[in-house]
Amino acid sequence: MKQLGIRTFTNTRIAFTQEGRSNPGPSPGEVRTTVTGYRARIGFNIKLNDLDRVDDVVSGLLAAGANELHAVTYQSSVLQEMRKDASRQAVAAAKDKAELYCREVGVSVGRVLSIDELSAAPPLHRPGQFPGAPPLADSSEIMVTVNVAIT
């Protein structure tokens, strides 16, 4: 880790397990366990702010003897502000649509009775996965979607 310039990591977990096998004992229903070895496992999370270093860090961990990599995830430090902006845009779009419908039928928009943020199930496939589907987003992009119902 020090060679990679990583001085701190979080959520360190160390686990030791005993491995063995069970054999029938001399009496019916009796089982004897023979210890065949022990397994030590250490896990930790690394936080990088420089995405250009991800490949080097993963390669360095594997070269140092890591034999299991659980996941690499990407998050944004501005995600909360992006969600607020997406909410503003969703409310503005709902207002525009309500004004359009009311204008077309000759009535005016009344006061808001409720605003609900709607949850949608994640898509079953990624965009661009099938012919004719929209192209995949840039791998450095994080999609933020907000749906609202205003009555």
Protein backbone atom coordinates (compact mmCIF):
# COMPACT_ATOMS: atom_id res chain seq x y z
CA MET A 1 0.00 0.00 0.00
CA LYS A 2 2.81 2.39 0.82
CA GLN A 3 4.43 1.79 -2.59
CA LEU A 4 1.13 2.85 -4.18
CA GLY A 5 1.05 6.05 -2.13
CA ILE A 6 -1.94 4.90 -0.05
CA ARG A 7 -1.47 5.70 3.60
CA THR A 8 -4.97 5.13 4.95
CA PHE A 9 -7.85 2.82 4.23
CA THR A 10 -11.14 2.27 5.99
CA ASN A 11 -13.31 -0.54 7.33
CA THR A 12 -10.49 -2.99 7.92
CA ARG A 13 -11.77 -6.49 8.63
CA ILE A 14 -9.61 -9.43 9.66
CA ALA A 15 -11.07 -12.93 9.87
CA PHE A 16 -9.52 -16.27 10.71
CA THR A 17 -11.36 -19.49 9.95
CA GLN A 18 -10.55 -23.09 10.66
CA GLU A 19 -10.96 -25.54 7.79
CA GLY A 20 -11.45 -29.23 8.21
CA ARG A 21 -13.33 -32.31 7.14
CA SER A 22 -15.75 -34.55 8.97
CA ASN A 23 -15.35 -38.30 9.16
CA PRO A 24 -17.66 -40.89 10.68
CA GLY A 25 -16.56 -41.96 14.15
CA PRO A 26 -16.39 -45.50 15.50
CA SER A 27 -19.89 -45.27 17.02
CA PRO A 28 -23.04 -44.78 14.89
CA GLY A 29 -23.94 -41.08 14.69
CA GLU A 30 -20.55 -39.98 15.97
CA VAL A 31 -18.61 -37.56 13.76
CA ARG A 32 -14.95 -36.64 14.13
CA THR A 33 -13.57 -33.48 12.64
CA THR A 34 -10.00 -33.29 11.44
CA VAL A 35 -8.45 -29.84 11.14
CA THR A 36 -6.80 -29.55 7.74
CA GLY A 37 -5.71 -25.94 7.91
CA TYR A 38 -6.54 -22.35 8.66
CA ARG A 39 -7.50 -19.46 6.43
CA ALA A 40 -6.70 -15.84 7.22
CA ARG A 41 -8.48 -13.10 5.36
CA ILE A 42 -8.12 -9.33 5.55
CA GLY A 43 -10.42 -6.90 3.82
CA PHE A 44 -10.39 -3.14 3.50
CA ASN A 45 -11.78 -0.26 1.46
CA ILE A 46 -9.60 2.21 -0.41
CA LYS A 47 -10.83 5.67 -1.35
CA LEU A 48 -9.18 7.40 -4.30
CA ASN A 49 -9.89 10.92 -5.48
CA ASP A 50 -7.78 10.52 -8.62
CA LEU A 51 -9.55 8.12 -11.01
CA ASP A 52 -6.42 7.88 -13.17
CA ARG A 53 -4.82 5.84 -10.36
CA VAL A 54 -7.44 3.06 -10.22
CA ASP A 55 -5.65 0.76 -12.70
CA ASP A 56 -2.30 1.18 -10.95
CA VAL A 57 -3.80 0.52 -7.51
CA VAL A 58 -5.70 -2.61 -8.62
CA SER A 59 -2.62 -3.93 -10.46
CA GLY A 60 -0.44 -3.16 -7.43
CA LEU A 61 -2.79 -4.99 -5.07
CA LEU A 62 -2.79 -8.07 -7.29
CA ALA A 63 1.00 -7.95 -7.69
CA ALA A 64 1.33 -7.72 -3.89
CA GLY A 65 -0.56 -10.99 -3.52
CA ALA A 66 -4.23 -10.05 -3.25
CA ASN A 67 -6.17 -12.97 -4.66
CA GLU A 68 -9.71 -11.63 -4.35
CA LEU A 69 -11.10 -8.26 -5.40
CA HIS A 70 -14.69 -7.80 -4.31
CA ALA A 71 -15.70 -4.65 -6.20
CA VAL A 72 -14.61 -1.35 -7.65
CA THR A 73 -17.32 1.29 -7.26
CA TYR A 74 -17.45 4.89 -8.36
CA GLN A 75 -19.17 7.67 -6.46
CA SER A 76 -19.35 11.42 -6.86
CA SER A 77 -18.51 13.98 -4.23
CA VAL A 78 -21.15 16.29 -5.76
CA LEU A 79 -23.93 13.68 -5.99
CA GLN A 80 -26.16 15.38 -3.40
CA GLU A 81 -26.10 18.67 -5.31
CA MET A 82 -26.74 16.81 -8.56
CA ARG A 83 -29.83 15.17 -7.02
CA LYS A 84 -31.11 18.56 -5.86
CA ASP A 85 -30.64 19.95 -9.37
CA ALA A 86 -32.40 16.92 -10.90
CA SER A 87 -35.31 17.48 -8.46
CA ARG A 88 -35.54 21.15 -9.47
CA GLN A 89 -35.63 20.16 -13.13
CA ALA A 90 -38.27 17.46 -12.49
CA VAL A 91 -40.53 19.93 -10.66
CA ALA A 92 -40.10 22.54 -13.42
CA ALA A 93 -40.95 19.95 -16.09
CA ALA A 94 -44.06 18.86 -14.15
CA LYS A 95 -45.15 22.49 -13.80
CA ASP A 96 -44.63 23.14 -17.52
CA LYS A 97 -46.65 20.05 -18.43
CA ALA A 98 -49.48 21.01 -16.03
CA GLU A 99 -49.61 24.52 -17.50
CA LEU A 100 -49.71 23.11 -21.04
CA TYR A 101 -52.57 20.72 -20.28
CA CYS A 102 -54.57 23.38 -18.42
CA ARG A 103 -54.02 25.90 -21.20
CA GLU A 104 -55.25 23.38 -23.83
CA VAL A 105 -58.50 22.73 -21.99
CA GLY A 106 -59.06 26.35 -20.97
CA VAL A 107 -58.56 26.16 -17.21
CA SER A 108 -55.92 27.51 -14.88
CA VAL A 109 -53.47 25.64 -12.71
CA GLY A 110 -54.60 25.46 -9.08
CA ARG A 111 -52.55 25.27 -5.92
CA VAL A 112 -50.30 22.28 -5.28
CA LEU A 113 -51.85 19.70 -2.95
CA SER A 114 -48.95 17.26 -2.76
CA ILE A 115 -45.54 16.48 -4.22
CA ASP A 116 -44.22 12.92 -4.22
CA GLU A 117 -40.87 11.68 -5.40
CA LEU A 118 -41.41 8.44 -7.31
CA SER A 119 -39.05 5.50 -7.13
CA ALA A 120 -38.45 3.50 -10.25
CA ALA A 121 -36.99 0.03 -10.53
CA PRO A 122 -33.53 0.01 -12.10
CA PRO A 123 -33.49 -1.00 -15.78
CA LEU A 124 -33.10 -4.69 -16.53
CA HIS A 125 -30.39 -3.94 -19.08
CA ARG A 126 -27.92 -1.18 -19.70
CA PRO A 127 -28.54 1.29 -22.53
CA GLY A 128 -26.62 0.32 -25.65
CA GLN A 129 -26.72 -3.38 -24.78
CA PHE A 130 -29.17 -4.22 -27.58
CA PRO A 131 -29.25 -3.18 -31.26
CA GLY A 132 -31.05 0.13 -31.66
CA ALA A 133 -30.65 1.00 -27.97
CA PRO A 134 -29.08 4.35 -27.05
CA PRO A 135 -25.27 4.26 -26.74
CA LEU A 136 -23.68 3.61 -23.38
CA ALA A 137 -22.89 6.67 -21.30
CA ASP A 138 -19.27 7.64 -20.80
CA SER A 139 -17.83 5.41 -18.06
CA SER A 140 -16.94 8.54 -16.09
CA GLU A 141 -20.60 9.62 -15.92
CA ILE A 142 -23.01 8.92 -13.08
CA MET A 143 -26.68 9.07 -14.08
CA VAL A 144 -29.01 10.90 -11.69
CA THR A 145 -32.76 10.54 -12.28
CA VAL A 146 -35.63 12.06 -10.29
CA ASN A 147 -39.33 11.56 -11.02
CA VAL A 148 -42.01 13.56 -9.25
CA ALA A 149 -45.81 13.47 -9.12
CA ILE A 150 -47.45 16.78 -8.31
CA THR A 151 -51.20 17.01 -7.58
